[in-house]
Every structure is written in structure tokens, then in C-alpha cells.
Amino acid sequence: MNPVLVARAQGLFNLVGGGWPLLHLRSFEWVFGPKSEEWLQYTTAGLLATTGGSMLFAPTTPGGVRHARRTGLGTAVTLLAVDLVYVPIGRIRPTYLLDAAMQAGWLLAWRRCGRLGSPAGG
């Protein structure tokens, strides 16, 4: 699997995911549930969009790809943990399990890239 393509795809996913509540919070809350703290939702969305942009426009150099990989792995692990902890206790809607599946998919995609710097991993 090509690590540059994984970085670009996950970056786009995060940019869109973060941009959605920034551009139209009402539709986002219709799908994922109302949020009690709008400022926190906007902060999280902004950070996710920023992370996505960083991954999307990371240089294709080995160092740029390693940075995108670390960012992608950290983002996916964090969001997956939040989804898996807060859905079962009813704090967030079960629709977040769709996000959990996507985050697990990003982790698998990065794993399939192999270790960066090795022949199989770019």
C-alpha cells in the first residue's frame, strides 16, 4: 500500500470530517447528536480539519511521509478510543461506531504500508 496515498486519503477524510461541523453544525448534530458545548465542538472540528490539511499537504519526502504517518496514527488511535469508550456508556450516539470503523481502517491501512524506510514501506 502506498503511504503517500494513505496520507492523502486520511488527510482528506479528516479535513472533510472537521470541516462539516464548522460549515453546518446543525446537519452534523442531526447525524451525530447535539453537543452541549458548541465551543468544544468547534475546537475539535478545527483541530481535526487542521490535522487533515497537514496530512493532505505533507511533502512526499520520506520525512514528510513519516510525519503524516505519525499524525494519522495518533489521530486514528485517539478518535477510535473516544468512539469505543463513549458509545457504550451512552455519551455519544451509536453512529460514532461508523467513525470507529473508519479509524480502525486507517490503522490497518498504515499497517499495510509496512515500516517506512523499508522496501515494502516506501
C-alpha atoms as a PDB file:
ATOM      1  CA  MET A   1       0.000   0.000   0.000  1.00  0.00           C
ATOM      2  CA  ASN A   2       1.348   3.439  -0.917  1.00  0.00           C
ATOM      3  CA  PRO A   3       1.915   5.577   2.219  1.00  0.00           C
ATOM      4  CA  VAL A   4       1.568   8.846   0.298  1.00  0.00           C
ATOM      5  CA  LEU A   5      -1.888   7.799  -0.910  1.00  0.00           C
ATOM      6  CA  VAL A   6      -2.885   6.711   2.602  1.00  0.00           C
ATOM      7  CA  ALA A   7      -1.722  10.070   3.983  1.00  0.00           C
ATOM      8  CA  ARG A   8      -3.674  11.966   1.310  1.00  0.00           C
ATOM      9  CA  ALA A   9      -6.821   9.886   1.776  1.00  0.00           C
ATOM     10  CA  GLN A  10      -6.816  10.102   5.569  1.00  0.00           C
ATOM     11  CA  GLY A  11      -5.967  13.790   5.360  1.00  0.00           C
ATOM     12  CA  LEU A  12      -8.956  14.423   3.100  1.00  0.00           C
ATOM     13  CA  PHE A  13     -11.184  12.345   5.377  1.00  0.00           C
ATOM     14  CA  ASN A  14     -10.094  14.363   8.429  1.00  0.00           C
ATOM     15  CA  LEU A  15     -10.363  17.690   6.613  1.00  0.00           C
ATOM     16  CA  VAL A  16     -13.917  16.919   5.499  1.00  0.00           C
ATOM     17  CA  GLY A  17     -14.838  15.443   8.896  1.00  0.00           C
ATOM     18  CA  GLY A  18     -13.565  18.513  10.695  1.00  0.00           C
ATOM     19  CA  GLY A  19     -14.981  20.930   8.159  1.00  0.00           C
ATOM     20  CA  TRP A  20     -18.515  19.546   8.286  1.00  0.00           C
ATOM     21  CA  PRO A  21     -19.446  20.837  11.761  1.00  0.00           C
ATOM     22  CA  LEU A  22     -17.621  24.102  11.079  1.00  0.00           C
ATOM     23  CA  LEU A  23     -19.683  24.699   7.947  1.00  0.00           C
ATOM     24  CA  HIS A  24     -23.037  23.251   9.040  1.00  0.00           C
ATOM     25  CA  LEU A  25     -23.247  22.255  12.691  1.00  0.00           C
ATOM     26  CA  ARG A  26     -26.982  21.558  12.529  1.00  0.00           C
ATOM     27  CA  SER A  27     -26.659  18.751   9.960  1.00  0.00           C
ATOM     28  CA  PHE A  28     -23.654  17.314  11.801  1.00  0.00           C
ATOM     29  CA  GLU A  29     -25.638  17.217  15.052  1.00  0.00           C
ATOM     30  CA  TRP A  30     -28.599  15.656  13.252  1.00  0.00           C
ATOM     31  CA  VAL A  31     -26.370  12.671  12.405  1.00  0.00           C
ATOM     32  CA  PHE A  32     -24.096  12.532  15.445  1.00  0.00           C
ATOM     33  CA  GLY A  33     -26.287  14.090  18.127  1.00  0.00           C
ATOM     34  CA  PRO A  34     -26.492  17.502  19.748  1.00  0.00           C
ATOM     35  CA  LYS A  35     -23.474  18.807  21.621  1.00  0.00           C
ATOM     36  CA  SER A  36     -23.813  20.602  24.945  1.00  0.00           C
ATOM     37  CA  GLU A  37     -20.713  22.742  24.372  1.00  0.00           C
ATOM     38  CA  GLU A  38     -20.596  24.313  20.905  1.00  0.00           C
ATOM     39  CA  TRP A  39     -17.196  25.882  21.550  1.00  0.00           C
ATOM     40  CA  LEU A  40     -15.756  22.431  22.258  1.00  0.00           C
ATOM     41  CA  GLN A  41     -17.294  21.028  19.082  1.00  0.00           C
ATOM     42  CA  TYR A  42     -15.819  23.881  17.042  1.00  0.00           C
ATOM     43  CA  THR A  43     -12.419  23.428  18.706  1.00  0.00           C
ATOM     44  CA  THR A  44     -12.358  19.689  17.986  1.00  0.00           C
ATOM     45  CA  ALA A  45     -13.546  20.246  14.424  1.00  0.00           C
ATOM     46  CA  GLY A  46     -10.904  22.902  13.821  1.00  0.00           C
ATOM     47  CA  LEU A  47      -8.141  20.677  15.151  1.00  0.00           C
ATOM     48  CA  LEU A  48      -9.334  17.762  13.032  1.00  0.00           C
ATOM     49  CA  ALA A  49      -9.503  19.954   9.908  1.00  0.00           C
ATOM     50  CA  THR A  50      -6.013  21.283  10.635  1.00  0.00           C
ATOM     51  CA  THR A  51      -4.676  17.763  11.103  1.00  0.00           C
ATOM     52  CA  GLY A  52      -6.295  16.717   7.851  1.00  0.00           C
ATOM     53  CA  GLY A  53      -4.815  19.637   5.967  1.00  0.00           C
ATOM     54  CA  SER A  54      -1.391  18.878   7.389  1.00  0.00           C
ATOM     55  CA  MET A  55      -1.612  15.284   6.196  1.00  0.00           C
ATOM     56  CA  LEU A  56      -3.098  16.210   2.842  1.00  0.00           C
ATOM     57  CA  PHE A  57      -0.320  18.663   2.030  1.00  0.00           C
ATOM     58  CA  ALA A  58       2.601  16.871   3.695  1.00  0.00           C
ATOM     59  CA  PRO A  59       5.679  16.690   1.500  1.00  0.00           C
ATOM     60  CA  THR A  60       6.212  13.402  -0.295  1.00  0.00           C
ATOM     61  CA  THR A  61       9.749  13.208   1.090  1.00  0.00           C
ATOM     62  CA  PRO A  62      10.489  10.346   3.492  1.00  0.00           C
ATOM     63  CA  GLY A  63      10.408  12.767   6.429  1.00  0.00           C
ATOM     64  CA  GLY A  64       7.104  14.267   5.295  1.00  0.00           C
ATOM     65  CA  VAL A  65       5.524  10.846   4.921  1.00  0.00           C
ATOM     66  CA  ARG A  66       6.799   9.761   8.358  1.00  0.00           C
ATOM     67  CA  HIS A  67       5.274  12.903   9.858  1.00  0.00           C
ATOM     68  CA  ALA A  68       1.952  12.265   8.100  1.00  0.00           C
ATOM     69  CA  ARG A  69       2.023   8.671   9.323  1.00  0.00           C
ATOM     70  CA  ARG A  70       2.608   9.696  12.956  1.00  0.00           C
ATOM     71  CA  THR A  71      -0.153  12.279  12.688  1.00  0.00           C
ATOM     72  CA  GLY A  72      -2.519   9.783  11.069  1.00  0.00           C
ATOM     73  CA  LEU A  73      -1.823   7.031  13.567  1.00  0.00           C
ATOM     74  CA  GLY A  74      -2.196   9.369  16.538  1.00  0.00           C
ATOM     75  CA  THR A  75      -5.424  10.821  15.226  1.00  0.00           C
ATOM     76  CA  ALA A  76      -6.908   7.410  14.429  1.00  0.00           C
ATOM     77  CA  VAL A  77      -5.978   5.908  17.809  1.00  0.00           C
ATOM     78  CA  THR A  78      -7.389   8.909  19.683  1.00  0.00           C
ATOM     79  CA  LEU A  79     -10.686   9.022  17.787  1.00  0.00           C
ATOM     80  CA  LEU A  80     -11.090   5.233  17.922  1.00  0.00           C
ATOM     81  CA  ALA A  81     -10.579   5.257  21.696  1.00  0.00           C
ATOM     82  CA  VAL A  82     -13.125   8.059  22.173  1.00  0.00           C
ATOM     83  CA  ASP A  83     -15.659   6.237  19.993  1.00  0.00           C
ATOM     84  CA  LEU A  84     -15.199   2.913  21.783  1.00  0.00           C
ATOM     85  CA  VAL A  85     -15.310   4.405  25.278  1.00  0.00           C
ATOM     86  CA  TYR A  86     -18.180   6.869  24.930  1.00  0.00           C
ATOM     87  CA  VAL A  87     -20.632   4.989  22.676  1.00  0.00           C
ATOM     88  CA  PRO A  88     -21.106   2.085  25.155  1.00  0.00           C
ATOM     89  CA  ILE A  89     -21.804   4.434  28.067  1.00  0.00           C
ATOM     90  CA  GLY A  90     -24.329   6.414  26.010  1.00  0.00           C
ATOM     91  CA  ARG A  91     -22.422   9.713  25.997  1.00  0.00           C
ATOM     92  CA  ILE A  92     -22.289   9.797  22.188  1.00  0.00           C
ATOM     93  CA  ARG A  93     -24.588   8.231  19.600  1.00  0.00           C
ATOM     94  CA  PRO A  94     -24.019   4.795  18.093  1.00  0.00           C
ATOM     95  CA  THR A  95     -23.428   6.500  14.725  1.00  0.00           C
ATOM     96  CA  TYR A  96     -19.921   7.151  16.062  1.00  0.00           C
ATOM     97  CA  LEU A  97     -19.298   3.422  15.574  1.00  0.00           C
ATOM     98  CA  LEU A  98     -19.158   4.220  11.846  1.00  0.00           C
ATOM     99  CA  ASP A  99     -16.297   6.559  12.667  1.00  0.00           C
ATOM    100  CA  ALA A 100     -14.712   3.844  14.821  1.00  0.00           C
ATOM    101  CA  ALA A 101     -14.752   1.503  11.821  1.00  0.00           C
ATOM    102  CA  MET A 102     -13.089   4.159   9.657  1.00  0.00           C
ATOM    103  CA  GLN A 103     -10.424   4.826  12.286  1.00  0.00           C
ATOM    104  CA  ALA A 104      -9.686   1.110  12.531  1.00  0.00           C
ATOM    105  CA  GLY A 105      -9.443   1.103   8.739  1.00  0.00           C
ATOM    106  CA  TRP A 106      -6.837   3.888   8.799  1.00  0.00           C
ATOM    107  CA  LEU A 107      -4.797   1.933  11.343  1.00  0.00           C
ATOM    108  CA  LEU A 108      -4.958  -1.141   9.123  1.00  0.00           C
ATOM    109  CA  ALA A 109      -4.022   0.887   6.041  1.00  0.00           C
ATOM    110  CA  TRP A 110      -0.944   2.298   7.770  1.00  0.00           C
ATOM    111  CA  ARG A 111      -0.014  -1.201   8.943  1.00  0.00           C
ATOM    112  CA  ARG A 112      -0.276  -2.461   5.377  1.00  0.00           C
ATOM    113  CA  CYS A 113       2.170   0.249   4.305  1.00  0.00           C
ATOM    114  CA  GLY A 114       4.851  -1.506   6.326  1.00  0.00           C
ATOM    115  CA  ARG A 115       7.617   0.290   8.163  1.00  0.00           C
ATOM    116  CA  LEU A 116       8.520   3.487   6.391  1.00  0.00           C
ATOM    117  CA  GLY A 117      12.058   3.324   5.107  1.00  0.00           C
ATOM    118  CA  SER A 118      11.849  -0.420   4.417  1.00  0.00           C
ATOM    119  CA  PRO A 119      11.494  -1.677   0.827  1.00  0.00           C
ATOM    120  CA  ALA A 120       7.804  -2.504   1.364  1.00  0.00           C
ATOM    121  CA  GLY A 121       7.018   0.703   3.207  1.00  0.00           C
ATOM    122  CA  GLY A 122       8.367   3.408   0.964  1.00  0.00           C
END
